[in-house]
Amino acid sequence: MEFHEYQELSKKTVDYPLLGPPRGRRVPWIYPALGLAGETGEIVEKVKKLVRDANLEVTLDQKNGIRDELGDLLWYMAQMATGLGISLDEVATSNLAKLSSRSLRGTVRGQGDSR
């Protein structure tokens, strides 16, 4: 599946409030932004339990659970991008260009988005 296909198909499952100021336009990307934080936390909790309980040995059920949470993260990312008028293809292409530039300049390691 291509990113643009996923983005289009996933829009059909949107069922959340278009949050925003009481008066004026609604903002379709706020709720997905909050969802990104929540889903990221769920993934981190699963990894934390692998560290605490399983010495990082991942069973098929745990792997599938993380895969499902990553899918939820992708869904929220797609909805936020859609709400901002950004395609996931654009997100992926831009990210690869940024990472390639860092690699060429020897700044993959380090801190900050502008490195």
PDB file of N, CA and C in Angstrom:
ATOM      1  N   MET A   1       0.843  -1.179   0.000  1.00  0.00           N
ATOM      2  CA  MET A   1       0.000   0.000   0.000  1.00  0.00           C
ATOM      3  C   MET A   1       0.885   1.238   0.000  1.00  0.00           C
ATOM      4  N   GLU A   2       0.488   2.219  -0.736  1.00  0.00           N
ATOM      5  CA  GLU A   2       1.195   3.496  -0.797  1.00  0.00           C
ATOM      6  C   GLU A   2       0.667   4.426   0.306  1.00  0.00           C
ATOM      7  N   PHE A   3       1.518   5.351   0.756  1.00  0.00           N
ATOM      8  CA  PHE A   3       1.096   6.286   1.797  1.00  0.00           C
ATOM      9  C   PHE A   3      -0.161   7.058   1.410  1.00  0.00           C
ATOM     10  N   HIS A   4      -0.227   7.547   0.170  1.00  0.00           N
ATOM     11  CA  HIS A   4      -1.396   8.349  -0.219  1.00  0.00           C
ATOM     12  C   HIS A   4      -2.670   7.505  -0.186  1.00  0.00           C
ATOM     13  N   GLU A   5      -2.567   6.212  -0.499  1.00  0.00           N
ATOM     14  CA  GLU A   5      -3.739   5.338  -0.416  1.00  0.00           C
ATOM     15  C   GLU A   5      -4.181   5.187   1.035  1.00  0.00           C
ATOM     16  N   TYR A   6      -3.223   4.945   1.910  1.00  0.00           N
ATOM     17  CA  TYR A   6      -3.541   4.811   3.333  1.00  0.00           C
ATOM     18  C   TYR A   6      -4.202   6.081   3.850  1.00  0.00           C
ATOM     19  N   GLN A   7      -3.640   7.216   3.492  1.00  0.00           N
ATOM     20  CA  GLN A   7      -4.161   8.488   3.980  1.00  0.00           C
ATOM     21  C   GLN A   7      -5.605   8.675   3.538  1.00  0.00           C
ATOM     22  N   GLU A   8      -5.910   8.356   2.295  1.00  0.00           N
ATOM     23  CA  GLU A   8      -7.276   8.499   1.786  1.00  0.00           C
ATOM     24  C   GLU A   8      -8.221   7.512   2.465  1.00  0.00           C
ATOM     25  N   LEU A   9      -7.824   6.258   2.552  1.00  0.00           N
ATOM     26  CA  LEU A   9      -8.688   5.248   3.151  1.00  0.00           C
ATOM     27  C   LEU A   9      -8.897   5.480   4.639  1.00  0.00           C
ATOM     28  N   SER A  10      -7.866   5.923   5.331  1.00  0.00           N
ATOM     29  CA  SER A  10      -7.988   6.118   6.780  1.00  0.00           C
ATOM     30  C   SER A  10      -8.923   7.273   7.125  1.00  0.00           C
ATOM     31  N   LYS A  11      -9.067   8.243   6.218  1.00  0.00           N
ATOM     32  CA  LYS A  11      -9.984   9.366   6.475  1.00  0.00           C
ATOM     33  C   LYS A  11     -11.423   8.884   6.657  1.00  0.00           C
ATOM     34  N   LYS A  12     -11.754   7.756   6.051  1.00  0.00           N
ATOM     35  CA  LYS A  12     -13.119   7.234   6.129  1.00  0.00           C
ATOM     36  C   LYS A  12     -13.478   6.760   7.530  1.00  0.00           C
ATOM     37  N   THR A  13     -12.481   6.572   8.386  1.00  0.00           N
ATOM     38  CA  THR A  13     -12.733   6.067   9.735  1.00  0.00           C
ATOM     39  C   THR A  13     -12.678   7.164  10.797  1.00  0.00           C
ATOM     40  N   VAL A  14     -12.581   8.414  10.376  1.00  0.00           N
ATOM     41  CA  VAL A  14     -12.501   9.525  11.328  1.00  0.00           C
ATOM     42  C   VAL A  14     -13.829   9.700  12.043  1.00  0.00           C
ATOM     43  N   ASP A  15     -13.770   9.749  13.361  1.00  0.00           N
ATOM     44  CA  ASP A  15     -14.952   9.999  14.184  1.00  0.00           C
ATOM     45  C   ASP A  15     -14.498  10.702  15.460  1.00  0.00           C
ATOM     46  N   TYR A  16     -14.091  11.947  15.324  1.00  0.00           N
ATOM     47  CA  TYR A  16     -13.650  12.725  16.470  1.00  0.00           C
ATOM     48  C   TYR A  16     -14.067  14.173  16.269  1.00  0.00           C
ATOM     49  N   PRO A  17     -14.106  14.947  17.365  1.00  0.00           N
ATOM     50  CA  PRO A  17     -14.510  16.354  17.244  1.00  0.00           C
ATOM     51  C   PRO A  17     -13.432  17.186  16.567  1.00  0.00           C
ATOM     52  N   LEU A  18     -13.864  18.117  15.754  1.00  0.00           N
ATOM     53  CA  LEU A  18     -12.935  19.062  15.135  1.00  0.00           C
ATOM     54  C   LEU A  18     -12.760  20.218  16.112  1.00  0.00           C
ATOM     55  N   LEU A  19     -11.845  20.039  17.030  1.00  0.00           N
ATOM     56  CA  LEU A  19     -11.654  20.987  18.127  1.00  0.00           C
ATOM     57  C   LEU A  19     -11.162  22.331  17.632  1.00  0.00           C
ATOM     58  N   GLY A  20     -11.455  23.348  18.389  1.00  0.00           N
ATOM     59  CA  GLY A  20     -11.001  24.686  18.053  1.00  0.00           C
ATOM     60  C   GLY A  20     -11.699  25.701  18.930  1.00  0.00           C
ATOM     61  N   PRO A  21     -11.491  26.963  18.646  1.00  0.00           N
ATOM     62  CA  PRO A  21     -12.114  28.016  19.447  1.00  0.00           C
ATOM     63  C   PRO A  21     -13.630  27.914  19.404  1.00  0.00           C
ATOM     64  N   PRO A  22     -14.294  28.359  20.463  1.00  0.00           N
ATOM     65  CA  PRO A  22     -15.758  28.304  20.483  1.00  0.00           C
ATOM     66  C   PRO A  22     -16.385  29.057  19.301  1.00  0.00           C
ATOM     67  N   ARG A  23     -15.754  30.122  18.910  1.00  0.00           N
ATOM     68  CA  ARG A  23     -16.229  30.872  17.748  1.00  0.00           C
ATOM     69  C   ARG A  23     -15.166  30.805  16.669  1.00  0.00           C
ATOM     70  N   GLY A  24     -15.585  30.694  15.458  1.00  0.00           N
ATOM     71  CA  GLY A  24     -14.594  30.644  14.381  1.00  0.00           C
ATOM     72  C   GLY A  24     -14.419  29.245  13.841  1.00  0.00           C
ATOM     73  N   ARG A  25     -13.354  29.061  13.122  1.00  0.00           N
ATOM     74  CA  ARG A  25     -13.143  27.801  12.414  1.00  0.00           C
ATOM     75  C   ARG A  25     -12.743  26.665  13.349  1.00  0.00           C
ATOM     76  N   ARG A  26     -13.079  25.491  12.929  1.00  0.00           N
ATOM     77  CA  ARG A  26     -12.657  24.294  13.657  1.00  0.00           C
ATOM     78  C   ARG A  26     -11.282  23.885  13.165  1.00  0.00           C
ATOM     79  N   VAL A  27     -10.515  23.237  14.001  1.00  0.00           N
ATOM     80  CA  VAL A  27      -9.138  22.875  13.675  1.00  0.00           C
ATOM     81  C   VAL A  27      -9.042  21.348  13.641  1.00  0.00           C
ATOM     82  N   PRO A  28      -8.937  20.752  12.435  1.00  0.00           N
ATOM     83  CA  PRO A  28      -9.009  19.295  12.322  1.00  0.00           C
ATOM     84  C   PRO A  28      -7.751  18.533  12.723  1.00  0.00           C
ATOM     85  N   TRP A  29      -6.691  19.219  13.132  1.00  0.00           N
ATOM     86  CA  TRP A  29      -5.454  18.500  13.460  1.00  0.00           C
ATOM     87  C   TRP A  29      -5.157  18.434  14.953  1.00  0.00           C
ATOM     88  N   ILE A  30      -5.927  19.121  15.782  1.00  0.00           N
ATOM     89  CA  ILE A  30      -5.642  19.129  17.227  1.00  0.00           C
ATOM     90  C   ILE A  30      -5.874  17.756  17.849  1.00  0.00           C
ATOM     91  N   TYR A  31      -7.032  17.168  17.613  1.00  0.00           N
ATOM     92  CA  TYR A  31      -7.335  15.866  18.206  1.00  0.00           C
ATOM     93  C   TYR A  31      -6.313  14.802  17.775  1.00  0.00           C
ATOM     94  N   PRO A  32      -5.970  14.723  16.474  1.00  0.00           N
ATOM     95  CA  PRO A  32      -4.941  13.751  16.089  1.00  0.00           C
ATOM     96  C   PRO A  32      -3.583  14.009  16.762  1.00  0.00           C
ATOM     97  N   ALA A  33      -3.229  15.261  16.995  1.00  0.00           N
ATOM     98  CA  ALA A  33      -1.966  15.556  17.677  1.00  0.00           C
ATOM     99  C   ALA A  33      -1.985  14.979  19.093  1.00  0.00           C
ATOM    100  N   LEU A  34      -3.110  15.108  19.771  1.00  0.00           N
ATOM    101  CA  LEU A  34      -3.241  14.537  21.107  1.00  0.00           C
ATOM    102  C   LEU A  34      -3.183  13.008  21.049  1.00  0.00           C
ATOM    103  N   GLY A  35      -3.789  12.439  20.012  1.00  0.00           N
ATOM    104  CA  GLY A  35      -3.753  10.990  19.833  1.00  0.00           C
ATOM    105  C   GLY A  35      -2.345  10.472  19.605  1.00  0.00           C
ATOM    106  N   LEU A  36      -1.524  11.239  18.882  1.00  0.00           N
ATOM    107  CA  LEU A  36      -0.129  10.840  18.666  1.00  0.00           C
ATOM    108  C   LEU A  36       0.594  10.677  19.999  1.00  0.00           C
ATOM    109  N   ALA A  37       0.373  11.610  20.898  1.00  0.00           N
ATOM    110  CA  ALA A  37       1.036  11.534  22.206  1.00  0.00           C
ATOM    111  C   ALA A  37       0.562  10.308  22.979  1.00  0.00           C
ATOM    112  N   GLY A  38      -0.731  10.055  22.939  1.00  0.00           N
ATOM    113  CA  GLY A  38      -1.278   8.904  23.658  1.00  0.00           C
ATOM    114  C   GLY A  38      -0.766   7.581  23.118  1.00  0.00           C
ATOM    115  N   GLU A  39      -0.775   7.438  21.809  1.00  0.00           N
ATOM    116  CA  GLU A  39      -0.317   6.193  21.197  1.00  0.00           C
ATOM    117  C   GLU A  39       1.179   5.984  21.412  1.00  0.00           C
ATOM    118  N   THR A  40       1.950   7.057  21.360  1.00  0.00           N
ATOM    119  CA  THR A  40       3.381   6.947  21.630  1.00  0.00           C
ATOM    120  C   THR A  40       3.592   6.414  23.045  1.00  0.00           C
ATOM    121  N   GLY A  41       2.813   6.916  23.972  1.00  0.00           N
ATOM    122  CA  GLY A  41       2.893   6.430  25.351  1.00  0.00           C
ATOM    123  C   GLY A  41       2.563   4.953  25.463  1.00  0.00           C
ATOM    124  N   GLU A  42       1.577   4.489  24.707  1.00  0.00           N
ATOM    125  CA  GLU A  42       1.222   3.067  24.747  1.00  0.00           C
ATOM    126  C   GLU A  42       2.358   2.199  24.207  1.00  0.00           C
ATOM    127  N   ILE A  43       3.021   2.656  23.169  1.00  0.00           N
ATOM    128  CA  ILE A  43       4.165   1.911  22.625  1.00  0.00           C
ATOM    129  C   ILE A  43       5.287   1.866  23.651  1.00  0.00           C
ATOM    130  N   VAL A  44       5.576   2.993  24.262  1.00  0.00           N
ATOM    131  CA  VAL A  44       6.635   3.062  25.265  1.00  0.00           C
ATOM    132  C   VAL A  44       6.320   2.137  26.444  1.00  0.00           C
ATOM    133  N   GLU A  45       5.069   2.058  26.856  1.00  0.00           N
ATOM    134  CA  GLU A  45       4.679   1.159  27.953  1.00  0.00           C
ATOM    135  C   GLU A  45       4.942  -0.295  27.585  1.00  0.00           C
ATOM    136  N   LYS A  46       4.646  -0.671  26.350  1.00  0.00           N
ATOM    137  CA  LYS A  46       4.901  -2.047  25.919  1.00  0.00           C
ATOM    138  C   LYS A  46       6.399  -2.352  25.934  1.00  0.00           C
ATOM    139  N   VAL A  47       7.193  -1.407  25.480  1.00  0.00           N
ATOM    140  CA  VAL A  47       8.643  -1.599  25.491  1.00  0.00           C
ATOM    141  C   VAL A  47       9.156  -1.639  26.931  1.00  0.00           C
ATOM    142  N   LYS A  48       8.629  -0.774  27.783  1.00  0.00           N
ATOM    143  CA  LYS A  48       9.033  -0.767  29.197  1.00  0.00           C
ATOM    144  C   LYS A  48       8.798  -2.132  29.831  1.00  0.00           C
ATOM    145  N   LYS A  49       7.659  -2.739  29.527  1.00  0.00           N
ATOM    146  CA  LYS A  49       7.353  -4.051  30.096  1.00  0.00           C
ATOM    147  C   LYS A  49       8.262  -5.136  29.528  1.00  0.00           C
ATOM    148  N   LEU A  50       8.696  -4.968  28.283  1.00  0.00           N
ATOM    149  CA  LEU A  50       9.663  -5.914  27.729  1.00  0.00           C
ATOM    150  C   LEU A  50      10.999  -5.813  28.463  1.00  0.00           C
ATOM    151  N   VAL A  51      11.377  -4.605  28.843  1.00  0.00           N
ATOM    152  CA  VAL A  51      12.617  -4.410  29.598  1.00  0.00           C
ATOM    153  C   VAL A  51      12.459  -4.995  31.005  1.00  0.00           C
ATOM    154  N   ARG A  52      11.334  -4.660  31.645  1.00  0.00           N
ATOM    155  CA  ARG A  52      11.124  -5.064  33.030  1.00  0.00           C
ATOM    156  C   ARG A  52      10.862  -6.556  33.191  1.00  0.00           C
ATOM    157  N   ASP A  53      10.027  -7.113  32.299  1.00  0.00           N
ATOM    158  CA  ASP A  53       9.519  -8.463  32.525  1.00  0.00           C
ATOM    159  C   ASP A  53      10.124  -9.541  31.627  1.00  0.00           C
ATOM    160  N   ALA A  54      10.713  -9.154  30.507  1.00  0.00           N
ATOM    161  CA  ALA A  54      11.078 -10.178  29.529  1.00  0.00           C
ATOM    162  C   ALA A  54      12.518 -10.087  29.045  1.00  0.00           C
ATOM    163  N   ASN A  55      13.326  -9.253  29.679  1.00  0.00           N
ATOM    164  CA  ASN A  55      14.730  -9.113  29.284  1.00  0.00           C
ATOM    165  C   ASN A  55      14.852  -8.862  27.773  1.00  0.00           C
ATOM    166  N   LEU A  56      13.910  -8.091  27.234  1.00  0.00           N
ATOM    167  CA  LEU A  56      13.849  -7.719  25.816  1.00  0.00           C
ATOM    168  C   LEU A  56      13.633  -8.898  24.870  1.00  0.00           C
ATOM    169  N   GLU A  57      13.174 -10.034  25.400  1.00  0.00           N
ATOM    170  CA  GLU A  57      12.789 -11.167  24.553  1.00  0.00           C
ATOM    171  C   GLU A  57      11.353 -10.914  24.101  1.00  0.00           C
ATOM    172  N   VAL A  58      11.134 -10.779  22.804  1.00  0.00           N
ATOM    173  CA  VAL A  58       9.839 -10.389  22.264  1.00  0.00           C
ATOM    174  C   VAL A  58       9.110 -11.608  21.717  1.00  0.00           C
ATOM    175  N   THR A  59       7.931 -11.889  22.277  1.00  0.00           N
ATOM    176  CA  THR A  59       7.110 -12.981  21.757  1.00  0.00           C
ATOM    177  C   THR A  59       6.329 -12.486  20.535  1.00  0.00           C
ATOM    178  N   LEU A  60       5.738 -13.411  19.816  1.00  0.00           N
ATOM    179  CA  LEU A  60       4.928 -13.053  18.652  1.00  0.00           C
ATOM    180  C   LEU A  60       3.738 -12.191  19.075  1.00  0.00           C
ATOM    181  N   ASP A  61       3.104 -12.513  20.201  1.00  0.00           N
ATOM    182  CA  ASP A  61       1.980 -11.699  20.679  1.00  0.00           C
ATOM    183  C   ASP A  61       2.421 -10.277  21.010  1.00  0.00           C
ATOM    184  N   GLN A  62       3.581 -10.148  21.652  1.00  0.00           N
ATOM    185  CA  GLN A  62       4.083  -8.807  21.980  1.00  0.00           C
ATOM    186  C   GLN A  62       4.437  -8.038  20.717  1.00  0.00           C
ATOM    187  N   LYS A  63       5.052  -8.711  19.768  1.00  0.00           N
ATOM    188  CA  LYS A  63       5.393  -8.079  18.499  1.00  0.00           C
ATOM    189  C   LYS A  63       4.127  -7.603  17.792  1.00  0.00           C
ATOM    190  N   ASN A  64       3.102  -8.434  17.773  1.00  0.00           N
ATOM    191  CA  ASN A  64       1.841  -8.048  17.143  1.00  0.00           C
ATOM    192  C   ASN A  64       1.172  -6.893  17.885  1.00  0.00           C
ATOM    193  N   GLY A  65       1.296  -6.873  19.199  1.00  0.00           N
ATOM    194  CA  GLY A  65       0.742  -5.769  19.977  1.00  0.00           C
ATOM    195  C   GLY A  65       1.430  -4.453  19.646  1.00  0.00           C
ATOM    196  N   ILE A  66       2.744  -4.484  19.524  1.00  0.00           N
ATOM    197  CA  ILE A  66       3.487  -3.279  19.149  1.00  0.00           C
ATOM    198  C   ILE A  66       3.132  -2.869  17.724  1.00  0.00           C
ATOM    199  N   ARG A  67       3.019  -3.837  16.826  1.00  0.00           N
ATOM    200  CA  ARG A  67       2.615  -3.535  15.446  1.00  0.00           C
ATOM    201  C   ARG A  67       1.264  -2.816  15.423  1.00  0.00           C
ATOM    202  N   ASP A  68       0.328  -3.303  16.221  1.00  0.00           N
ATOM    203  CA  ASP A  68      -1.001  -2.680  16.263  1.00  0.00           C
ATOM    204  C   ASP A  68      -0.931  -1.252  16.788  1.00  0.00           C
ATOM    205  N   GLU A  69      -0.117  -1.029  17.808  1.00  0.00           N
ATOM    206  CA  GLU A  69       0.044   0.329  18.341  1.00  0.00           C
ATOM    207  C   GLU A  69       0.726   1.237  17.319  1.00  0.00           C
ATOM    208  N   LEU A  70       1.696   0.701  16.585  1.00  0.00           N
ATOM    209  CA  LEU A  70       2.332   1.484  15.521  1.00  0.00           C
ATOM    210  C   LEU A  70       1.308   1.854  14.446  1.00  0.00           C
ATOM    211  N   GLY A  71       0.385   0.938  14.180  1.00  0.00           N
ATOM    212  CA  GLY A  71      -0.690   1.233  13.234  1.00  0.00           C
ATOM    213  C   GLY A  71      -1.562   2.373  13.720  1.00  0.00           C
ATOM    214  N   ASP A  72      -1.881   2.374  15.017  1.00  0.00           N
ATOM    215  CA  ASP A  72      -2.673   3.471  15.584  1.00  0.00           C
ATOM    216  C   ASP A  72      -1.906   4.782  15.480  1.00  0.00           C
ATOM    217  N   LEU A  73      -0.605   4.731  15.725  1.00  0.00           N
ATOM    218  CA  LEU A  73       0.238   5.917  15.606  1.00  0.00           C
ATOM    219  C   LEU A  73       0.213   6.436  14.167  1.00  0.00           C
ATOM    220  N   LEU A  74       0.310   5.525  13.210  1.00  0.00           N
ATOM    221  CA  LEU A  74       0.249   5.910  11.798  1.00  0.00           C
ATOM    222  C   LEU A  74      -1.096   6.550  11.465  1.00  0.00           C
ATOM    223  N   TRP A  75      -2.173   6.010  12.021  1.00  0.00           N
ATOM    224  CA  TRP A  75      -3.510   6.558  11.762  1.00  0.00           C
ATOM    225  C   TRP A  75      -3.582   8.010  12.241  1.00  0.00           C
ATOM    226  N   TYR A  76      -3.146   8.258  13.469  1.00  0.00           N
ATOM    227  CA  TYR A  76      -3.183   9.625  13.996  1.00  0.00           C
ATOM    228  C   TYR A  76      -2.268  10.545  13.192  1.00  0.00           C
ATOM    229  N   MET A  77      -1.122  10.039  12.779  1.00  0.00           N
ATOM    230  CA  MET A  77      -0.216  10.842  11.967  1.00  0.00           C
ATOM    231  C   MET A  77      -0.880  11.209  10.640  1.00  0.00           C
ATOM    232  N   ALA A  78      -1.555  10.240  10.035  1.00  0.00           N
ATOM    233  CA  ALA A  78      -2.239  10.497   8.771  1.00  0.00           C
ATOM    234  C   ALA A  78      -3.339  11.536   8.943  1.00  0.00           C
ATOM    235  N   GLN A  79      -4.079  11.463  10.043  1.00  0.00           N
ATOM    236  CA  GLN A  79      -5.171  12.421  10.254  1.00  0.00           C
ATOM    237  C   GLN A  79      -4.635  13.816  10.544  1.00  0.00           C
ATOM    238  N   MET A  80      -3.541  13.904  11.294  1.00  0.00           N
ATOM    239  CA  MET A  80      -2.948  15.218  11.550  1.00  0.00           C
ATOM    240  C   MET A  80      -2.424  15.820  10.254  1.00  0.00           C
ATOM    241  N   ALA A  81      -1.727  15.024   9.467  1.00  0.00           N
ATOM    242  CA  ALA A  81      -1.210  15.513   8.190  1.00  0.00           C
ATOM    243  C   ALA A  81      -2.358  15.963   7.295  1.00  0.00           C
ATOM    244  N   THR A  82      -3.407  15.167   7.218  1.00  0.00           N
ATOM    245  CA  THR A  82      -4.570  15.526   6.400  1.00  0.00           C
ATOM    246  C   THR A  82      -5.167  16.841   6.873  1.00  0.00           C
ATOM    247  N   GLY A  83      -5.316  16.985   8.179  1.00  0.00           N
ATOM    248  CA  GLY A  83      -5.884  18.212   8.740  1.00  0.00           C
ATOM    249  C   GLY A  83      -5.061  19.450   8.435  1.00  0.00           C
ATOM    250  N   LEU A  84      -3.763  19.249   8.231  1.00  0.00           N
ATOM    251  CA  LEU A  84      -2.866  20.361   7.905  1.00  0.00           C
ATOM    252  C   LEU A  84      -2.636  20.499   6.403  1.00  0.00           C
ATOM    253  N   GLY A  85      -3.251  19.607   5.618  1.00  0.00           N
ATOM    254  CA  GLY A  85      -3.073  19.669   4.176  1.00  0.00           C
ATOM    255  C   GLY A  85      -1.715  19.172   3.709  1.00  0.00           C
ATOM    256  N   ILE A  86      -1.150  18.215   4.436  1.00  0.00           N
ATOM    257  CA  ILE A  86       0.158  17.643   4.103  1.00  0.00           C
ATOM    258  C   ILE A  86      -0.050  16.176   3.732  1.00  0.00           C
ATOM    259  N   SER A  87       0.591  15.728   2.682  1.00  0.00           N
ATOM    260  CA  SER A  87       0.492  14.314   2.323  1.00  0.00           C
ATOM    261  C   SER A  87       1.562  13.519   3.073  1.00  0.00           C
ATOM    262  N   LEU A  88       1.229  12.268   3.402  1.00  0.00           N
ATOM    263  CA  LEU A  88       2.221  11.402   4.038  1.00  0.00           C
ATOM    264  C   LEU A  88       3.394  11.141   3.098  1.00  0.00           C
ATOM    265  N   ASP A  89       3.128  11.126   1.795  1.00  0.00           N
ATOM    266  CA  ASP A  89       4.226  10.990   0.833  1.00  0.00           C
ATOM    267  C   ASP A  89       5.212  12.144   1.006  1.00  0.00           C
ATOM    268  N   GLU A  90       4.671  13.348   1.185  1.00  0.00           N
ATOM    269  CA  GLU A  90       5.521  14.526   1.389  1.00  0.00           C
ATOM    270  C   GLU A  90       6.301  14.408   2.696  1.00  0.00           C
ATOM    271  N   VAL A  91       5.653  13.921   3.738  1.00  0.00           N
ATOM    272  CA  VAL A  91       6.324  13.737   5.028  1.00  0.00           C
ATOM    273  C   VAL A  91       7.497  12.767   4.869  1.00  0.00           C
ATOM    274  N   ALA A  92       7.241  11.641   4.209  1.00  0.00           N
ATOM    275  CA  ALA A  92       8.282  10.621   4.045  1.00  0.00           C
ATOM    276  C   ALA A  92       9.428  11.126   3.177  1.00  0.00           C
ATOM    277  N   THR A  93       9.103  11.768   2.065  1.00  0.00           N
ATOM    278  CA  THR A  93      10.130  12.279   1.163  1.00  0.00           C
ATOM    279  C   THR A  93      10.986  13.337   1.838  1.00  0.00           C
ATOM    280  N   SER A  94      10.330  14.249   2.544  1.00  0.00           N
ATOM    281  CA  SER A  94      11.053  15.312   3.235  1.00  0.00           C
ATOM    282  C   SER A  94      11.955  14.743   4.325  1.00  0.00           C
ATOM    283  N   ASN A  95      11.454  13.748   5.047  1.00  0.00           N
ATOM    284  CA  ASN A  95      12.239  13.149   6.117  1.00  0.00           C
ATOM    285  C   ASN A  95      13.473  12.443   5.568  1.00  0.00           C
ATOM    286  N   LEU A  96      13.312  11.698   4.481  1.00  0.00           N
ATOM    287  CA  LEU A  96      14.465  11.018   3.889  1.00  0.00           C
ATOM    288  C   LEU A  96      15.501  12.019   3.374  1.00  0.00           C
ATOM    289  N   ALA A  97      15.049  13.126   2.808  1.00  0.00           N
ATOM    290  CA  ALA A  97      15.980  14.161   2.337  1.00  0.00           C
ATOM    291  C   ALA A  97      16.749  14.753   3.510  1.00  0.00           C
ATOM    292  N   LYS A  98      16.051  14.999   4.620  1.00  0.00           N
ATOM    293  CA  LYS A  98      16.704  15.547   5.813  1.00  0.00           C
ATOM    294  C   LYS A  98      17.742  14.570   6.352  1.00  0.00           C
ATOM    295  N   LEU A  99      17.365  13.294   6.442  1.00  0.00           N
ATOM    296  CA  LEU A  99      18.293  12.294   6.972  1.00  0.00           C
ATOM    297  C   LEU A  99      19.477  12.084   6.046  1.00  0.00           C
ATOM    298  N   SER A 100      19.238  12.107   4.740  1.00  0.00           N
ATOM    299  CA  SER A 100      20.331  11.972   3.773  1.00  0.00           C
ATOM    300  C   SER A 100      21.311  13.129   3.905  1.00  0.00           C
ATOM    301  N   SER A 101      20.774  14.346   4.060  1.00  0.00           N
ATOM    302  CA  SER A 101      21.624  15.518   4.229  1.00  0.00           C
ATOM    303  C   SER A 101      22.472  15.389   5.492  1.00  0.00           C
ATOM    304  N   ARG A 102      21.863  14.934   6.571  1.00  0.00           N
ATOM    305  CA  ARG A 102      22.621  14.756   7.816  1.00  0.00           C
ATOM    306  C   ARG A 102      23.726  13.731   7.635  1.00  0.00           C
ATOM    307  N   SER A 103      23.406  12.657   6.935  1.00  0.00           N
ATOM    308  CA  SER A 103      24.394  11.610   6.709  1.00  0.00           C
ATOM    309  C   SER A 103      25.580  12.150   5.908  1.00  0.00           C
ATOM    310  N   LEU A 104      25.278  12.894   4.856  1.00  0.00           N
ATOM    311  CA  LEU A 104      26.348  13.461   4.018  1.00  0.00           C
ATOM    312  C   LEU A 104      27.209  14.458   4.786  1.00  0.00           C
ATOM    313  N   ARG A 105      26.588  15.184   5.718  1.00  0.00           N
ATOM    314  CA  ARG A 105      27.327  16.192   6.481  1.00  0.00           C
ATOM    315  C   ARG A 105      27.901  15.633   7.778  1.00  0.00           C
ATOM    316  N   GLY A 106      27.668  14.345   8.041  1.00  0.00           N
ATOM    317  CA  GLY A 106      28.194  13.725   9.259  1.00  0.00           C
ATOM    318  C   GLY A 106      27.513  14.213  10.521  1.00  0.00           C
ATOM    319  N   THR A 107      26.234  14.575  10.416  1.00  0.00           N
ATOM    320  CA  THR A 107      25.525  15.090  11.599  1.00  0.00           C
ATOM    321  C   THR A 107      24.331  14.225  11.973  1.00  0.00           C
ATOM    322  N   VAL A 108      24.386  12.931  11.641  1.00  0.00           N
ATOM    323  CA  VAL A 108      23.291  12.039  12.018  1.00  0.00           C
ATOM    324  C   VAL A 108      23.186  11.980  13.540  1.00  0.00           C
ATOM    325  N   ARG A 109      24.317  11.879  14.190  1.00  0.00           N
ATOM    326  CA  ARG A 109      24.332  11.913  15.654  1.00  0.00           C
ATOM    327  C   ARG A 109      24.328  13.354  16.113  1.00  0.00           C
ATOM    328  N   GLY A 110      23.845  13.566  17.268  1.00  0.00           N
ATOM    329  CA  GLY A 110      23.807  14.915  17.803  1.00  0.00           C
ATOM    330  C   GLY A 110      22.398  15.278  18.204  1.00  0.00           C
ATOM    331  N   GLN A 111      22.171  16.538  18.455  1.00  0.00           N
ATOM    332  CA  GLN A 111      20.867  16.984  18.937  1.00  0.00           C
ATOM    333  C   GLN A 111      20.353  18.130  18.084  1.00  0.00           C
ATOM    334  N   GLY A 112      19.040  18.249  18.071  1.00  0.00           N
ATOM    335  CA  GLY A 112      18.403  19.365  17.381  1.00  0.00           C
ATOM    336  C   GLY A 112      17.994  19.039  15.965  1.00  0.00           C
ATOM    337  N   ASP A 113      16.867  19.553  15.554  1.00  0.00           N
ATOM    338  CA  ASP A 113      16.350  19.296  14.212  1.00  0.00           C
ATOM    339  C   ASP A 113      17.153  20.001  13.139  1.00  0.00           C
ATOM    340  N   SER A 114      17.861  21.072  13.478  1.00  0.00           N
ATOM    341  CA  SER A 114      18.569  21.873  12.475  1.00  0.00           C
ATOM    342  C   SER A 114      20.027  21.468  12.277  1.00  0.00           C
ATOM    343  N   ARG A 115      20.405  20.324  12.781  1.00  0.00           N
ATOM    344  CA  ARG A 115      21.806  19.907  12.657  1.00  0.00           C
ATOM    345  C   ARG A 115      22.165  19.476  11.251  1.00  0.00           C
TER     346      ARG A 115
END
